Protein backbone atom coordinates (compact mmCIF):
# COMPACT_ATOMS: atom_id res chain seq x y z
CA MET A 1 16.65 30.37 -3.87
CA SER A 2 15.17 28.30 -6.69
CA GLY A 3 18.54 26.54 -7.17
CA VAL A 4 18.19 24.75 -3.85
CA SER A 5 14.51 23.92 -4.17
CA ASP A 6 14.65 22.75 -7.80
CA PRO A 7 16.66 19.58 -7.06
CA LEU A 8 14.34 18.81 -4.16
CA ARG A 9 11.30 19.45 -6.31
CA ARG A 10 12.69 17.15 -9.00
CA ALA A 11 13.50 14.48 -6.42
CA ARG A 12 9.94 14.64 -5.08
CA ALA A 13 8.55 14.42 -8.60
CA ARG A 14 10.72 11.35 -9.28
CA THR A 15 9.57 9.86 -5.98
CA ARG A 16 5.94 10.41 -6.98
CA ILE A 17 6.52 8.81 -10.38
CA LEU A 18 8.25 5.84 -8.77
CA ALA A 19 5.39 5.51 -6.26
CA ALA A 20 2.80 5.64 -9.05
CA VAL A 21 4.66 2.96 -11.01
CA ALA A 22 4.98 0.86 -7.84
CA ALA A 23 1.24 1.23 -7.21
CA GLY A 24 0.50 0.05 -10.73
CA LEU A 25 2.87 -2.90 -10.40
CA THR A 26 1.31 -3.80 -7.06
CA LEU A 27 -2.16 -3.81 -8.63
CA CYS A 28 -0.88 -5.99 -11.47
CA ALA A 29 0.74 -8.36 -8.97
CA GLY A 30 -2.52 -8.63 -7.04
CA LEU A 31 -4.50 -9.37 -10.19
CA GLY A 32 -1.82 -11.79 -11.34
CA VAL A 33 -1.95 -13.73 -8.09
CA ARG A 34 -5.73 -13.91 -8.36
CA GLY A 35 -5.32 -15.24 -11.89
CA VAL A 36 -2.96 -18.07 -11.00
CA ALA A 37 -3.91 -18.94 -7.42
CA ASP A 38 -6.98 -19.26 -5.31
CA GLY A 39 -7.97 -19.95 -1.73
CA ASP A 40 -5.76 -18.84 1.12
CA VAL A 41 -2.73 -18.15 -1.10
CA ALA A 42 -4.62 -15.62 -3.19
CA LYS A 43 -6.45 -14.14 -0.21
CA TYR A 44 -3.47 -13.58 2.05
CA THR A 45 -1.18 -12.47 -0.76
CA GLY A 46 -3.89 -9.97 -1.66
CA ASP A 47 -3.99 -8.77 1.96
CA ALA A 48 -0.24 -8.17 1.99
CA LEU A 49 -0.35 -6.42 -1.38
CA TYR A 50 -3.24 -4.24 -0.17
CA THR A 51 -0.93 -2.76 2.45
CA VAL A 52 1.94 -2.46 -0.03
CA LEU A 53 -0.44 -0.52 -2.29
CA LEU A 54 -1.42 1.77 0.58
CA CYS A 55 2.27 2.35 1.31
CA THR A 56 2.87 3.43 -2.28
CA LEU A 57 -0.17 5.73 -2.15
CA VAL A 58 1.13 7.36 1.05
CA VAL A 59 4.44 8.07 -0.70
CA LEU A 60 2.61 9.29 -3.80
CA LEU A 61 0.62 11.80 -1.72
CA ALA A 62 3.50 12.76 0.57
CA PRO A 63 6.81 12.05 -1.21
CA ARG A 64 8.92 13.29 1.71
CA THR A 65 7.52 10.52 3.91
CA ARG A 66 10.20 8.08 4.99
CA PRO A 67 9.46 4.39 4.34
CA PRO A 68 8.98 3.40 8.02
CA ARG A 69 6.38 6.13 8.49
CA ALA A 70 4.65 5.27 5.19
CA ALA A 71 4.53 1.62 6.27
CA ALA A 72 3.14 2.56 9.70
CA VAL A 73 0.43 4.78 8.20
CA ALA A 74 -0.53 2.14 5.64
CA LEU A 75 -0.60 -0.58 8.27
CA ALA A 76 -2.80 1.54 10.55
CA LEU A 77 -5.18 2.20 7.64
CA SER A 78 -5.28 -1.49 6.74
CA TRP A 79 -6.03 -2.45 10.33
CA ALA A 80 -8.66 0.30 10.62
CA VAL A 81 -10.46 -0.94 7.50
CA GLU A 82 -10.34 -4.53 8.77
CA CYS A 83 -11.65 -3.55 12.20
CA ALA A 84 -14.38 -1.45 10.59
CA GLN A 85 -15.64 -4.68 9.07
CA LEU A 86 -16.80 -5.62 12.57
CA THR A 87 -19.42 -2.86 12.27
CA GLY A 88 -21.05 -4.14 9.11
CA VAL A 89 -20.71 -0.76 7.40
CA PRO A 90 -18.14 -1.94 4.82
CA ASP A 91 -20.34 -4.95 4.04
CA ALA A 92 -23.32 -2.67 3.40
CA LEU A 93 -21.20 -0.41 1.17
CA ALA A 94 -19.73 -3.43 -0.63
CA GLU A 95 -23.24 -4.43 -1.71
CA ARG A 96 -23.50 -1.13 -3.59
CA GLY A 97 -20.44 -1.56 -5.76
CA ILE A 98 -17.40 -3.63 -6.61
CA VAL A 99 -14.95 -0.80 -5.85
CA ALA A 100 -16.23 -0.52 -2.28
CA ARG A 101 -15.94 -4.29 -1.92
CA LEU A 102 -12.35 -4.27 -3.19
CA VAL A 103 -11.29 -1.33 -1.02
CA LEU A 104 -13.24 -2.04 2.16
CA GLY A 105 -13.81 -5.79 2.11
CA SER A 106 -16.89 -7.21 3.75
CA THR A 107 -16.17 -9.46 6.71
CA PHE A 108 -13.64 -9.35 9.52
CA ASN A 109 -10.93 -12.02 9.45
CA ALA A 110 -8.32 -11.84 12.25
CA PRO A 111 -5.47 -13.45 10.21
CA ASP A 112 -5.76 -10.55 7.77
CA LEU A 113 -4.23 -8.30 10.45
CA LEU A 114 -1.01 -10.37 10.35
CA TRP A 115 -0.88 -10.36 6.55
CA TYR A 116 -1.24 -6.57 6.47
CA ALA A 117 1.84 -6.41 8.69
CA VAL A 118 3.62 -8.75 6.27
CA GLY A 119 2.78 -6.30 3.48
CA ALA A 120 4.20 -3.37 5.45
CA GLY A 121 7.35 -5.40 6.05
CA LEU A 122 7.57 -6.29 2.36
CA PHE A 123 7.33 -2.60 1.49
CA LEU A 124 10.19 -1.81 3.90
CA LEU A 125 12.27 -4.64 2.43
CA ILE A 126 11.70 -3.33 -1.09
CA CYS A 127 12.70 0.16 0.07
CA THR A 128 16.05 -1.15 1.29
CA VAL A 129 16.74 -2.68 -2.14
CA VAL A 130 15.40 0.04 -4.47
CA PRO A 131 17.35 3.31 -4.29
CA ARG A 132 15.28 6.40 -3.62
CA PRO A 133 15.38 9.17 -6.25
CA GLY A 134 17.80 11.99 -5.56
CA GLY A 135 20.06 9.78 -3.46
CA LEU A 136 17.90 10.25 -0.35
CA ARG A 137 18.50 7.65 2.33
CA HIS A 138 15.69 5.38 3.58
CA SER A 139 16.50 5.69 7.28
């Protein structure tokens, strides 16, 4: 019984490690873009990378999640956070700390919704190029 589950367990562990590394690289990319660019380039690249980061976190928490589902969940979360900005609650929380500001933002901006979708698409593109641990298919 453990012979069948051990390879799956190892594959899930490798998937989690890969997701954690991808999350770290995504954070570094976001900080790097902020360091070399400003204005709309930095803002909208950051929006796309925000959704890529959420995708990696979905996979980290649920390594059996297929990339299209992870992208859909991350995109829905990104859109929900953006729409919540219409309520003013994220803005109030952002005044209390930098982490809340980074995670929740402060003001609604409709173009952000498109850039979140770009990030989900980027995640799916990366998943077609990077092989998944254990030889699992991405479909």
